[in-house]
Amino acid sequence: MIIVVNRFLFRLWSGSKFSGLCLWPFIIVQDPELKKDLVFINHERIHLRQQAELLVLPFYLWYGLEFMIKWIWHKNAHRAYRNISFEKEAYANEKNLDFLGQRKFFGFWNYL
């Protein structure tokens, strides 16, 4: 896990509410203080595991397709984002810092 601070990347998406993102094998944050936030980092580490399980590129394709389907369904981008199976798993377990040690392979499948 490599944590990178890059404020410029987040300025590209002006108005973005994201504090960080996970682009395997990096966790990219806009504020250096987030590197100390164990819950936030755990959320992103869950995404790293999901990406590794799906061999990275299929993760991004699945994520984008699921987002588009849920955006059409919910007619709301934020609601669509929160209902992506990968995000549901990460948000549901981000406070459990031992989660990755207990997580079953393809655990996101339970959140579809």
PDB file of N, CA and C in Angstrom:
ATOM      1  N   MET A   1       0.851  -1.180   0.000  1.00  0.00           N
ATOM      2  CA  MET A   1       0.000   0.000   0.000  1.00  0.00           C
ATOM      3  C   MET A   1       0.891   1.237   0.000  1.00  0.00           C
ATOM      4  N   ILE A   2       0.672   2.073  -0.983  1.00  0.00           N
ATOM      5  CA  ILE A   2       1.442   3.305  -1.125  1.00  0.00           C
ATOM      6  C   ILE A   2       0.460   4.478  -1.045  1.00  0.00           C
ATOM      7  N   ILE A   3       0.649   5.354  -0.070  1.00  0.00           N
ATOM      8  CA  ILE A   3      -0.240   6.503   0.093  1.00  0.00           C
ATOM      9  C   ILE A   3       0.445   7.731  -0.500  1.00  0.00           C
ATOM     10  N   VAL A   4      -0.252   8.399  -1.408  1.00  0.00           N
ATOM     11  CA  VAL A   4       0.278   9.560  -2.106  1.00  0.00           C
ATOM     12  C   VAL A   4      -0.640  10.752  -1.828  1.00  0.00           C
ATOM     13  N   VAL A   5      -0.053  11.902  -1.522  1.00  0.00           N
ATOM     14  CA  VAL A   5      -0.816  13.135  -1.357  1.00  0.00           C
ATOM     15  C   VAL A   5      -0.729  13.903  -2.669  1.00  0.00           C
ATOM     16  N   ASN A   6      -1.900  14.240  -3.238  1.00  0.00           N
ATOM     17  CA  ASN A   6      -1.929  14.953  -4.514  1.00  0.00           C
ATOM     18  C   ASN A   6      -3.171  15.826  -4.556  1.00  0.00           C
ATOM     19  N   ARG A   7      -3.030  17.080  -4.220  1.00  0.00           N
ATOM     20  CA  ARG A   7      -4.166  18.008  -4.230  1.00  0.00           C
ATOM     21  C   ARG A   7      -4.591  18.359  -5.653  1.00  0.00           C
ATOM     22  N   PHE A   8      -3.640  18.376  -6.587  1.00  0.00           N
ATOM     23  CA  PHE A   8      -3.925  18.746  -7.968  1.00  0.00           C
ATOM     24  C   PHE A   8      -4.964  17.826  -8.599  1.00  0.00           C
ATOM     25  N   LEU A   9      -4.828  16.540  -8.368  1.00  0.00           N
ATOM     26  CA  LEU A   9      -5.756  15.567  -8.946  1.00  0.00           C
ATOM     27  C   LEU A   9      -7.196  15.872  -8.551  1.00  0.00           C
ATOM     28  N   PHE A  10      -7.411  16.281  -7.313  1.00  0.00           N
ATOM     29  CA  PHE A  10      -8.761  16.556  -6.840  1.00  0.00           C
ATOM     30  C   PHE A  10      -9.291  17.891  -7.360  1.00  0.00           C
ATOM     31  N   ARG A  11      -8.380  18.809  -7.698  1.00  0.00           N
ATOM     32  CA  ARG A  11      -8.809  20.073  -8.301  1.00  0.00           C
ATOM     33  C   ARG A  11      -9.338  19.854  -9.709  1.00  0.00           C
ATOM     34  N   LEU A  12      -8.889  18.804 -10.387  1.00  0.00           N
ATOM     35  CA  LEU A  12      -9.393  18.487 -11.728  1.00  0.00           C
ATOM     36  C   LEU A  12     -10.896  18.232 -11.687  1.00  0.00           C
ATOM     37  N   TRP A  13     -11.346  17.640 -10.584  1.00  0.00           N
ATOM     38  CA  TRP A  13     -12.769  17.389 -10.386  1.00  0.00           C
ATOM     39  C   TRP A  13     -13.306  18.451  -9.445  1.00  0.00           C
ATOM     40  N   SER A  14     -13.280  19.700  -9.870  1.00  0.00           N
ATOM     41  CA  SER A  14     -13.727  20.786  -8.999  1.00  0.00           C
ATOM     42  C   SER A  14     -15.154  20.514  -8.530  1.00  0.00           C
ATOM     43  N   GLY A  15     -15.384  20.759  -7.287  1.00  0.00           N
ATOM     44  CA  GLY A  15     -16.684  20.478  -6.698  1.00  0.00           C
ATOM     45  C   GLY A  15     -16.803  19.047  -6.194  1.00  0.00           C
ATOM     46  N   SER A  16     -15.776  18.259  -6.407  1.00  0.00           N
ATOM     47  CA  SER A  16     -15.793  16.871  -5.957  1.00  0.00           C
ATOM     48  C   SER A  16     -15.801  16.814  -4.439  1.00  0.00           C
ATOM     49  N   LYS A  17     -16.567  15.891  -3.908  1.00  0.00           N
ATOM     50  CA  LYS A  17     -16.628  15.713  -2.462  1.00  0.00           C
ATOM     51  C   LYS A  17     -15.689  14.601  -2.005  1.00  0.00           C
ATOM     52  N   PHE A  18     -14.934  14.037  -2.922  1.00  0.00           N
ATOM     53  CA  PHE A  18     -14.031  12.948  -2.579  1.00  0.00           C
ATOM     54  C   PHE A  18     -12.800  13.483  -1.864  1.00  0.00           C
ATOM     55  N   SER A  19     -12.393  12.780  -0.833  1.00  0.00           N
ATOM     56  CA  SER A  19     -11.185  13.133  -0.093  1.00  0.00           C
ATOM     57  C   SER A  19     -10.007  12.296  -0.555  1.00  0.00           C
ATOM     58  N   GLY A  20     -10.320  11.179  -1.174  1.00  0.00           N
ATOM     59  CA  GLY A  20      -9.270  10.284  -1.622  1.00  0.00           C
ATOM     60  C   GLY A  20      -9.833   9.267  -2.586  1.00  0.00           C
ATOM     61  N   LEU A  21      -8.934   8.537  -3.207  1.00  0.00           N
ATOM     62  CA  LEU A  21      -9.352   7.465  -4.103  1.00  0.00           C
ATOM     63  C   LEU A  21      -8.256   6.424  -4.175  1.00  0.00           C
ATOM     64  N   CYS A  22      -8.637   5.305  -4.679  1.00  0.00           N
ATOM     65  CA  CYS A  22      -7.742   4.163  -4.722  1.00  0.00           C
ATOM     66  C   CYS A  22      -7.525   3.766  -6.178  1.00  0.00           C
ATOM     67  N   LEU A  23      -6.309   3.919  -6.637  1.00  0.00           N
ATOM     68  CA  LEU A  23      -5.906   3.480  -7.972  1.00  0.00           C
ATOM     69  C   LEU A  23      -4.756   2.500  -7.776  1.00  0.00           C
ATOM     70  N   TRP A  24      -5.067   1.228  -7.854  1.00  0.00           N
ATOM     71  CA  TRP A  24      -4.130   0.177  -7.491  1.00  0.00           C
ATOM     72  C   TRP A  24      -2.771   0.419  -8.093  1.00  0.00           C
ATOM     73  N   PRO A  25      -1.729   0.387  -7.314  1.00  0.00           N
ATOM     74  CA  PRO A  25      -1.582   0.042  -5.900  1.00  0.00           C
ATOM     75  C   PRO A  25      -1.508   1.258  -4.971  1.00  0.00           C
ATOM     76  N   PHE A  26      -2.045   2.385  -5.420  1.00  0.00           N
ATOM     77  CA  PHE A  26      -1.923   3.627  -4.656  1.00  0.00           C
ATOM     78  C   PHE A  26      -3.229   4.032  -3.987  1.00  0.00           C
ATOM     79  N   ILE A  27      -3.108   4.617  -2.825  1.00  0.00           N
ATOM     80  CA  ILE A  27      -4.201   5.344  -2.196  1.00  0.00           C
ATOM     81  C   ILE A  27      -3.798   6.809  -2.335  1.00  0.00           C
ATOM     82  N   ILE A  28      -4.628   7.587  -2.997  1.00  0.00           N
ATOM     83  CA  ILE A  28      -4.318   8.991  -3.254  1.00  0.00           C
ATOM     84  C   ILE A  28      -5.237   9.852  -2.409  1.00  0.00           C
ATOM     85  N   VAL A  29      -4.658  10.736  -1.630  1.00  0.00           N
ATOM     86  CA  VAL A  29      -5.424  11.611  -0.742  1.00  0.00           C
ATOM     87  C   VAL A  29      -5.109  13.058  -1.062  1.00  0.00           C
ATOM     88  N   GLN A  30      -6.066  13.942  -0.785  1.00  0.00           N
ATOM     89  CA  GLN A  30      -5.796  15.355  -1.044  1.00  0.00           C
ATOM     90  C   GLN A  30      -5.278  16.088   0.181  1.00  0.00           C
ATOM     91  N   ASP A  31      -5.439  15.511   1.351  1.00  0.00           N
ATOM     92  CA  ASP A  31      -4.980  16.145   2.588  1.00  0.00           C
ATOM     93  C   ASP A  31      -4.034  15.187   3.312  1.00  0.00           C
ATOM     94  N   PRO A  32      -2.824  15.611   3.628  1.00  0.00           N
ATOM     95  CA  PRO A  32      -1.870  14.722   4.302  1.00  0.00           C
ATOM     96  C   PRO A  32      -2.382  14.172   5.629  1.00  0.00           C
ATOM     97  N   GLU A  33      -3.299  14.882   6.277  1.00  0.00           N
ATOM     98  CA  GLU A  33      -3.852  14.408   7.553  1.00  0.00           C
ATOM     99  C   GLU A  33      -4.629  13.105   7.384  1.00  0.00           C
ATOM    100  N   LEU A  34      -5.169  12.865   6.197  1.00  0.00           N
ATOM    101  CA  LEU A  34      -5.937  11.637   5.953  1.00  0.00           C
ATOM    102  C   LEU A  34      -5.068  10.388   6.059  1.00  0.00           C
ATOM    103  N   LYS A  35      -3.775  10.552   5.906  1.00  0.00           N
ATOM    104  CA  LYS A  35      -2.872   9.404   6.042  1.00  0.00           C
ATOM    105  C   LYS A  35      -2.923   8.826   7.454  1.00  0.00           C
ATOM    106  N   LYS A  36      -3.371   9.622   8.416  1.00  0.00           N
ATOM    107  CA  LYS A  36      -3.449   9.194   9.817  1.00  0.00           C
ATOM    108  C   LYS A  36      -4.830   8.674  10.195  1.00  0.00           C
ATOM    109  N   ASP A  37      -5.815   8.850   9.303  1.00  0.00           N
ATOM    110  CA  ASP A  37      -7.200   8.450   9.582  1.00  0.00           C
ATOM    111  C   ASP A  37      -7.354   6.953   9.302  1.00  0.00           C
ATOM    112  N   LEU A  38      -7.330   6.156  10.367  1.00  0.00           N
ATOM    113  CA  LEU A  38      -7.341   4.704  10.217  1.00  0.00           C
ATOM    114  C   LEU A  38      -8.599   4.177   9.538  1.00  0.00           C
ATOM    115  N   VAL A  39      -9.738   4.778   9.817  1.00  0.00           N
ATOM    116  CA  VAL A  39     -10.998   4.335   9.195  1.00  0.00           C
ATOM    117  C   VAL A  39     -10.973   4.639   7.698  1.00  0.00           C
ATOM    118  N   PHE A  40     -10.553   5.836   7.351  1.00  0.00           N
ATOM    119  CA  PHE A  40     -10.467   6.212   5.933  1.00  0.00           C
ATOM    120  C   PHE A  40      -9.501   5.290   5.188  1.00  0.00           C
ATOM    121  N   ILE A  41      -8.327   5.066   5.753  1.00  0.00           N
ATOM    122  CA  ILE A  41      -7.329   4.208   5.111  1.00  0.00           C
ATOM    123  C   ILE A  41      -7.850   2.775   5.011  1.00  0.00           C
ATOM    124  N   ASN A  42      -8.548   2.304   6.024  1.00  0.00           N
ATOM    125  CA  ASN A  42      -9.118   0.956   5.960  1.00  0.00           C
ATOM    126  C   ASN A  42     -10.133   0.855   4.821  1.00  0.00           C
ATOM    127  N   HIS A  43     -10.969   1.867   4.651  1.00  0.00           N
ATOM    128  CA  HIS A  43     -11.938   1.899   3.549  1.00  0.00           C
ATOM    129  C   HIS A  43     -11.199   1.737   2.214  1.00  0.00           C
ATOM    130  N   GLU A  44     -10.139   2.499   2.045  1.00  0.00           N
ATOM    131  CA  GLU A  44      -9.381   2.433   0.791  1.00  0.00           C
ATOM    132  C   GLU A  44      -8.632   1.111   0.643  1.00  0.00           C
ATOM    133  N   ARG A  45      -8.162   0.546   1.742  1.00  0.00           N
ATOM    134  CA  ARG A  45      -7.497  -0.764   1.685  1.00  0.00           C
ATOM    135  C   ARG A  45      -8.478  -1.855   1.255  1.00  0.00           C
ATOM    136  N   ILE A  46      -9.725  -1.732   1.658  1.00  0.00           N
ATOM    137  CA  ILE A  46     -10.750  -2.680   1.203  1.00  0.00           C
ATOM    138  C   ILE A  46     -10.856  -2.590  -0.313  1.00  0.00           C
ATOM    139  N   HIS A  47     -10.835  -1.372  -0.860  1.00  0.00           N
ATOM    140  CA  HIS A  47     -10.877  -1.217  -2.317  1.00  0.00           C
ATOM    141  C   HIS A  47      -9.633  -1.817  -2.980  1.00  0.00           C
ATOM    142  N   LEU A  48      -8.472  -1.673  -2.352  1.00  0.00           N
ATOM    143  CA  LEU A  48      -7.266  -2.301  -2.911  1.00  0.00           C
ATOM    144  C   LEU A  48      -7.442  -3.810  -3.023  1.00  0.00           C
ATOM    145  N   ARG A  49      -8.015  -4.409  -1.999  1.00  0.00           N
ATOM    146  CA  ARG A  49      -8.242  -5.867  -2.020  1.00  0.00           C
ATOM    147  C   ARG A  49      -9.229  -6.229  -3.123  1.00  0.00           C
ATOM    148  N   GLN A  50     -10.309  -5.467  -3.243  1.00  0.00           N
ATOM    149  CA  GLN A  50     -11.287  -5.724  -4.302  1.00  0.00           C
ATOM    150  C   GLN A  50     -10.632  -5.634  -5.680  1.00  0.00           C
ATOM    151  N   GLN A  51      -9.805  -4.616  -5.865  1.00  0.00           N
ATOM    152  CA  GLN A  51      -9.140  -4.431  -7.144  1.00  0.00           C
ATOM    153  C   GLN A  51      -8.199  -5.591  -7.443  1.00  0.00           C
ATOM    154  N   ALA A  52      -7.455  -6.031  -6.454  1.00  0.00           N
ATOM    155  CA  ALA A  52      -6.536  -7.151  -6.643  1.00  0.00           C
ATOM    156  C   ALA A  52      -7.293  -8.432  -6.992  1.00  0.00           C
ATOM    157  N   GLU A  53      -8.423  -8.666  -6.323  1.00  0.00           N
ATOM    158  CA  GLU A  53      -9.217  -9.872  -6.603  1.00  0.00           C
ATOM    159  C   GLU A  53      -9.695  -9.927  -8.049  1.00  0.00           C
ATOM    160  N   LEU A  54     -10.056  -8.776  -8.574  1.00  0.00           N
ATOM    161  CA  LEU A  54     -10.583  -8.727  -9.941  1.00  0.00           C
ATOM    162  C   LEU A  54      -9.488  -8.398 -10.965  1.00  0.00           C
ATOM    163  N   LEU A  55      -8.238  -8.468 -10.539  1.00  0.00           N
ATOM    164  CA  LEU A  55      -7.097  -8.220 -11.431  1.00  0.00           C
ATOM    165  C   LEU A  55      -7.121  -6.808 -12.022  1.00  0.00           C
ATOM    166  N   VAL A  56      -7.514  -5.867 -11.227  1.00  0.00           N
ATOM    167  CA  VAL A  56      -7.469  -4.418 -11.428  1.00  0.00           C
ATOM    168  C   VAL A  56      -8.393  -3.912 -12.539  1.00  0.00           C
ATOM    169  N   LEU A  57      -8.072  -4.109 -13.789  1.00  0.00           N
ATOM    170  CA  LEU A  57      -8.869  -3.530 -14.877  1.00  0.00           C
ATOM    171  C   LEU A  57     -10.337  -3.957 -14.835  1.00  0.00           C
ATOM    172  N   PRO A  58     -10.652  -5.242 -14.645  1.00  0.00           N
ATOM    173  CA  PRO A  58     -12.074  -5.619 -14.549  1.00  0.00           C
ATOM    174  C   PRO A  58     -12.795  -4.920 -13.386  1.00  0.00           C
ATOM    175  N   PHE A  59     -12.062  -4.620 -12.306  1.00  0.00           N
ATOM    176  CA  PHE A  59     -12.664  -3.880 -11.193  1.00  0.00           C
ATOM    177  C   PHE A  59     -13.196  -2.538 -11.688  1.00  0.00           C
ATOM    178  N   TYR A  60     -12.358  -1.794 -12.404  1.00  0.00           N
ATOM    179  CA  TYR A  60     -12.760  -0.464 -12.871  1.00  0.00           C
ATOM    180  C   TYR A  60     -13.913  -0.544 -13.869  1.00  0.00           C
ATOM    181  N   LEU A  61     -13.887  -1.545 -14.721  1.00  0.00           N
ATOM    182  CA  LEU A  61     -14.986  -1.722 -15.677  1.00  0.00           C
ATOM    183  C   LEU A  61     -16.297  -2.036 -14.945  1.00  0.00           C
ATOM    184  N   TRP A  62     -16.231  -2.969 -13.988  1.00  0.00           N
ATOM    185  CA  TRP A  62     -17.401  -3.350 -13.210  1.00  0.00           C
ATOM    186  C   TRP A  62     -17.913  -2.150 -12.422  1.00  0.00           C
ATOM    187  N   TYR A  63     -16.994  -1.433 -11.776  1.00  0.00           N
ATOM    188  CA  TYR A  63     -17.350  -0.274 -10.964  1.00  0.00           C
ATOM    189  C   TYR A  63     -18.093   0.753 -11.822  1.00  0.00           C
ATOM    190  N   GLY A  64     -17.540   1.080 -12.982  1.00  0.00           N
ATOM    191  CA  GLY A  64     -18.168   2.055 -13.875  1.00  0.00           C
ATOM    192  C   GLY A  64     -19.521   1.597 -14.384  1.00  0.00           C
ATOM    193  N   LEU A  65     -19.617   0.346 -14.775  1.00  0.00           N
ATOM    194  CA  LEU A  65     -20.891  -0.181 -15.274  1.00  0.00           C
ATOM    195  C   LEU A  65     -21.941  -0.197 -14.172  1.00  0.00           C
ATOM    196  N   GLU A  66     -21.551  -0.651 -12.993  1.00  0.00           N
ATOM    197  CA  GLU A  66     -22.501  -0.684 -11.874  1.00  0.00           C
ATOM    198  C   GLU A  66     -22.948   0.731 -11.507  1.00  0.00           C
ATOM    199  N   PHE A  67     -22.008   1.688 -11.533  1.00  0.00           N
ATOM    200  CA  PHE A  67     -22.366   3.073 -11.251  1.00  0.00           C
ATOM    201  C   PHE A  67     -23.390   3.584 -12.264  1.00  0.00           C
ATOM    202  N   MET A  68     -23.164   3.345 -13.538  1.00  0.00           N
ATOM    203  CA  MET A  68     -24.079   3.828 -14.583  1.00  0.00           C
ATOM    204  C   MET A  68     -25.471   3.218 -14.417  1.00  0.00           C
ATOM    205  N   ILE A  69     -25.523   1.930 -14.168  1.00  0.00           N
ATOM    206  CA  ILE A  69     -26.818   1.253 -13.980  1.00  0.00           C
ATOM    207  C   ILE A  69     -27.544   1.830 -12.771  1.00  0.00           C
ATOM    208  N   LYS A  70     -26.828   2.019 -11.685  1.00  0.00           N
ATOM    209  CA  LYS A  70     -27.469   2.527 -10.462  1.00  0.00           C
ATOM    210  C   LYS A  70     -27.831   4.007 -10.593  1.00  0.00           C
ATOM    211  N   TRP A  71     -27.084   4.750 -11.386  1.00  0.00           N
ATOM    212  CA  TRP A  71     -27.414   6.162 -11.625  1.00  0.00           C
ATOM    213  C   TRP A  71     -28.715   6.258 -12.412  1.00  0.00           C
ATOM    214  N   ILE A  72     -28.866   5.417 -13.394  1.00  0.00           N
ATOM    215  CA  ILE A  72     -30.123   5.381 -14.158  1.00  0.00           C
ATOM    216  C   ILE A  72     -31.269   4.963 -13.237  1.00  0.00           C
ATOM    217  N   TRP A  73     -31.013   3.958 -12.423  1.00  0.00           N
ATOM    218  CA  TRP A  73     -32.047   3.429 -11.523  1.00  0.00           C
ATOM    219  C   TRP A  73     -32.457   4.459 -10.464  1.00  0.00           C
ATOM    220  N   HIS A  74     -31.483   5.064  -9.803  1.00  0.00           N
ATOM    221  CA  HIS A  74     -31.772   5.990  -8.691  1.00  0.00           C
ATOM    222  C   HIS A  74     -31.967   7.441  -9.129  1.00  0.00           C
ATOM    223  N   LYS A  75     -31.510   7.760 -10.349  1.00  0.00           N
ATOM    224  CA  LYS A  75     -31.601   9.132 -10.868  1.00  0.00           C
ATOM    225  C   LYS A  75     -30.886  10.140  -9.956  1.00  0.00           C
ATOM    226  N   ASN A  76     -29.815   9.672  -9.323  1.00  0.00           N
ATOM    227  CA  ASN A  76     -29.054  10.506  -8.392  1.00  0.00           C
ATOM    228  C   ASN A  76     -27.637   9.940  -8.323  1.00  0.00           C
ATOM    229  N   ALA A  77     -26.639  10.738  -8.680  1.00  0.00           N
ATOM    230  CA  ALA A  77     -25.258  10.253  -8.743  1.00  0.00           C
ATOM    231  C   ALA A  77     -24.732   9.830  -7.369  1.00  0.00           C
ATOM    232  N   HIS A  78     -25.024  10.612  -6.333  1.00  0.00           N
ATOM    233  CA  HIS A  78     -24.521  10.252  -5.003  1.00  0.00           C
ATOM    234  C   HIS A  78     -25.154   8.954  -4.508  1.00  0.00           C
ATOM    235  N   ARG A  79     -26.432   8.802  -4.699  1.00  0.00           N
ATOM    236  CA  ARG A  79     -27.111   7.571  -4.279  1.00  0.00           C
ATOM    237  C   ARG A  79     -26.588   6.378  -5.076  1.00  0.00           C
ATOM    238  N   ALA A  80     -26.314   6.605  -6.369  1.00  0.00           N
ATOM    239  CA  ALA A  80     -25.758   5.535  -7.202  1.00  0.00           C
ATOM    240  C   ALA A  80     -24.394   5.113  -6.664  1.00  0.00           C
ATOM    241  N   TYR A  81     -23.546   6.088  -6.364  1.00  0.00           N
ATOM    242  CA  TYR A  81     -22.214   5.816  -5.819  1.00  0.00           C
ATOM    243  C   TYR A  81     -22.304   5.012  -4.525  1.00  0.00           C
ATOM    244  N   ARG A  82     -23.182   5.422  -3.615  1.00  0.00           N
ATOM    245  CA  ARG A  82     -23.295   4.737  -2.318  1.00  0.00           C
ATOM    246  C   ARG A  82     -23.861   3.329  -2.439  1.00  0.00           C
ATOM    247  N   ASN A  83     -24.510   3.029  -3.581  1.00  0.00           N
ATOM    248  CA  ASN A  83     -25.111   1.708  -3.770  1.00  0.00           C
ATOM    249  C   ASN A  83     -24.285   0.776  -4.644  1.00  0.00           C
ATOM    250  N   ILE A  84     -23.098   1.197  -5.050  1.00  0.00           N
ATOM    251  CA  ILE A  84     -22.195   0.292  -5.767  1.00  0.00           C
ATOM    252  C   ILE A  84     -21.748  -0.781  -4.771  1.00  0.00           C
ATOM    253  N   SER A  85     -21.757  -2.028  -5.179  1.00  0.00           N
ATOM    254  CA  SER A  85     -21.428  -3.131  -4.265  1.00  0.00           C
ATOM    255  C   SER A  85     -20.063  -2.938  -3.593  1.00  0.00           C
ATOM    256  N   PHE A  86     -19.079  -2.451  -4.318  1.00  0.00           N
ATOM    257  CA  PHE A  86     -17.749  -2.239  -3.742  1.00  0.00           C
ATOM    258  C   PHE A  86     -17.789  -1.183  -2.630  1.00  0.00           C
ATOM    259  N   GLU A  87     -18.553  -0.132  -2.862  1.00  0.00           N
ATOM    260  CA  GLU A  87     -18.672   0.929  -1.847  1.00  0.00           C
ATOM    261  C   GLU A  87     -19.487   0.453  -0.651  1.00  0.00           C
ATOM    262  N   LYS A  88     -20.542  -0.307  -0.908  1.00  0.00           N
ATOM    263  CA  LYS A  88     -21.352  -0.817   0.199  1.00  0.00           C
ATOM    264  C   LYS A  88     -20.506  -1.682   1.129  1.00  0.00           C
ATOM    265  N   GLU A  89     -19.676  -2.544   0.553  1.00  0.00           N
ATOM    266  CA  GLU A  89     -18.812  -3.383   1.383  1.00  0.00           C
ATOM    267  C   GLU A  89     -17.812  -2.526   2.156  1.00  0.00           C
ATOM    268  N   ALA A  90     -17.195  -1.566   1.483  1.00  0.00           N
ATOM    269  CA  ALA A  90     -16.178  -0.732   2.138  1.00  0.00           C
ATOM    270  C   ALA A  90     -16.784   0.116   3.257  1.00  0.00           C
ATOM    271  N   TYR A  91     -17.929   0.757   2.993  1.00  0.00           N
ATOM    272  CA  TYR A  91     -18.558   1.580   4.034  1.00  0.00           C
ATOM    273  C   TYR A  91     -19.057   0.728   5.196  1.00  0.00           C
ATOM    274  N   ALA A  92     -19.597  -0.448   4.909  1.00  0.00           N
ATOM    275  CA  ALA A  92     -20.130  -1.307   5.974  1.00  0.00           C
ATOM    276  C   ALA A  92     -19.036  -1.816   6.904  1.00  0.00           C
ATOM    277  N   ASN A  93     -17.808  -1.890   6.410  1.00  0.00           N
ATOM    278  CA  ASN A  93     -16.735  -2.521   7.191  1.00  0.00           C
ATOM    279  C   ASN A  93     -15.540  -1.630   7.479  1.00  0.00           C
ATOM    280  N   GLU A  94     -15.612  -0.351   7.114  1.00  0.00           N
ATOM    281  CA  GLU A  94     -14.450   0.521   7.270  1.00  0.00           C
ATOM    282  C   GLU A  94     -14.022   0.714   8.721  1.00  0.00           C
ATOM    283  N   LYS A  95     -14.944   0.618   9.656  1.00  0.00           N
ATOM    284  CA  LYS A  95     -14.602   0.814  11.072  1.00  0.00           C
ATOM    285  C   LYS A  95     -14.033  -0.441  11.729  1.00  0.00           C
ATOM    286  N   ASN A  96     -14.174  -1.569  11.050  1.00  0.00           N
ATOM    287  CA  ASN A  96     -13.623  -2.826  11.549  1.00  0.00           C
ATOM    288  C   ASN A  96     -12.207  -2.966  11.001  1.00  0.00           C
ATOM    289  N   LEU A  97     -11.228  -2.555  11.780  1.00  0.00           N
ATOM    290  CA  LEU A  97      -9.844  -2.533  11.306  1.00  0.00           C
ATOM    291  C   LEU A  97      -9.263  -3.930  11.111  1.00  0.00           C
ATOM    292  N   ASP A  98      -9.980  -4.962  11.574  1.00  0.00           N
ATOM    293  CA  ASP A  98      -9.557  -6.350  11.373  1.00  0.00           C
ATOM    294  C   ASP A  98     -10.291  -7.002  10.197  1.00  0.00           C
ATOM    295  N   PHE A  99     -11.123  -6.246   9.521  1.00  0.00           N
ATOM    296  CA  PHE A  99     -11.982  -6.806   8.481  1.00  0.00           C
ATOM    297  C   PHE A  99     -11.211  -7.562   7.398  1.00  0.00           C
ATOM    298  N   LEU A 100     -10.144  -6.997   6.898  1.00  0.00           N
ATOM    299  CA  LEU A 100      -9.435  -7.651   5.797  1.00  0.00           C
ATOM    300  C   LEU A 100      -8.848  -9.000   6.189  1.00  0.00           C
ATOM    301  N   GLY A 101      -8.559  -9.181   7.462  1.00  0.00           N
ATOM    302  CA  GLY A 101      -8.075 -10.473   7.940  1.00  0.00           C
ATOM    303  C   GLY A 101      -9.167 -11.527   7.997  1.00  0.00           C
ATOM    304  N   GLN A 102     -10.430 -11.093   8.055  1.00  0.00           N
ATOM    305  CA  GLN A 102     -11.575 -12.003   8.157  1.00  0.00           C
ATOM    306  C   GLN A 102     -12.330 -12.141   6.843  1.00  0.00           C
ATOM    307  N   ARG A 103     -12.106 -11.223   5.947  1.00  0.00           N
ATOM    308  CA  ARG A 103     -12.890 -11.113   4.711  1.00  0.00           C
ATOM    309  C   ARG A 103     -12.707 -12.336   3.832  1.00  0.00           C
ATOM    310  N   LYS A 104     -13.831 -12.803   3.313  1.00  0.00           N
ATOM    311  CA  LYS A 104     -13.800 -13.917   2.375  1.00  0.00           C
ATOM    312  C   LYS A 104     -13.522 -13.391   0.967  1.00  0.00           C
ATOM    313  N   PHE A 105     -12.929 -14.227   0.157  1.00  0.00           N
ATOM    314  CA  PHE A 105     -12.627 -13.887  -1.228  1.00  0.00           C
ATOM    315  C   PHE A 105     -13.906 -13.476  -1.948  1.00  0.00           C
ATOM    316  N   PHE A 106     -13.856 -12.419  -2.735  1.00  0.00           N
ATOM    317  CA  PHE A 106     -15.002 -11.870  -3.454  1.00  0.00           C
ATOM    318  C   PHE A 106     -16.120 -11.473  -2.487  1.00  0.00           C
ATOM    319  N   GLY A 107     -15.755 -10.939  -1.337  1.00  0.00           N
ATOM    320  CA  GLY A 107     -16.717 -10.550  -0.316  1.00  0.00           C
ATOM    321  C   GLY A 107     -17.724  -9.517  -0.782  1.00  0.00           C
ATOM    322  N   PHE A 108     -17.359  -8.699  -1.759  1.00  0.00           N
ATOM    323  CA  PHE A 108     -18.270  -7.674  -2.270  1.00  0.00           C
ATOM    324  C   PHE A 108     -19.517  -8.288  -2.894  1.00  0.00           C
ATOM    325  N   TRP A 109     -19.420  -9.555  -3.292  1.00  0.00           N
ATOM    326  CA  TRP A 109     -20.531 -10.250  -3.931  1.00  0.00           C
ATOM    327  C   TRP A 109     -21.783 -10.232  -3.037  1.00  0.00           C
ATOM    328  N   ASN A 110     -21.573 -10.247  -1.723  1.00  0.00           N
ATOM    329  CA  ASN A 110     -22.681 -10.225  -0.762  1.00  0.00           C
ATOM    330  C   ASN A 110     -23.412  -8.887  -0.736  1.00  0.00           C
ATOM    331  N   TYR A 111     -22.853  -7.875  -1.386  1.00  0.00           N
ATOM    332  CA  TYR A 111     -23.433  -6.531  -1.354  1.00  0.00           C
ATOM    333  C   TYR A 111     -24.101  -6.136  -2.673  1.00  0.00           C
ATOM    334  N   LEU A 112     -24.200  -7.082  -3.587  1.00  0.00           N
ATOM    335  CA  LEU A 112     -24.857  -6.795  -4.875  1.00  0.00           C
ATOM    336  C   LEU A 112     -26.352  -6.609  -4.682  1.00  0.00           C
TER     337      LEU A 112
END
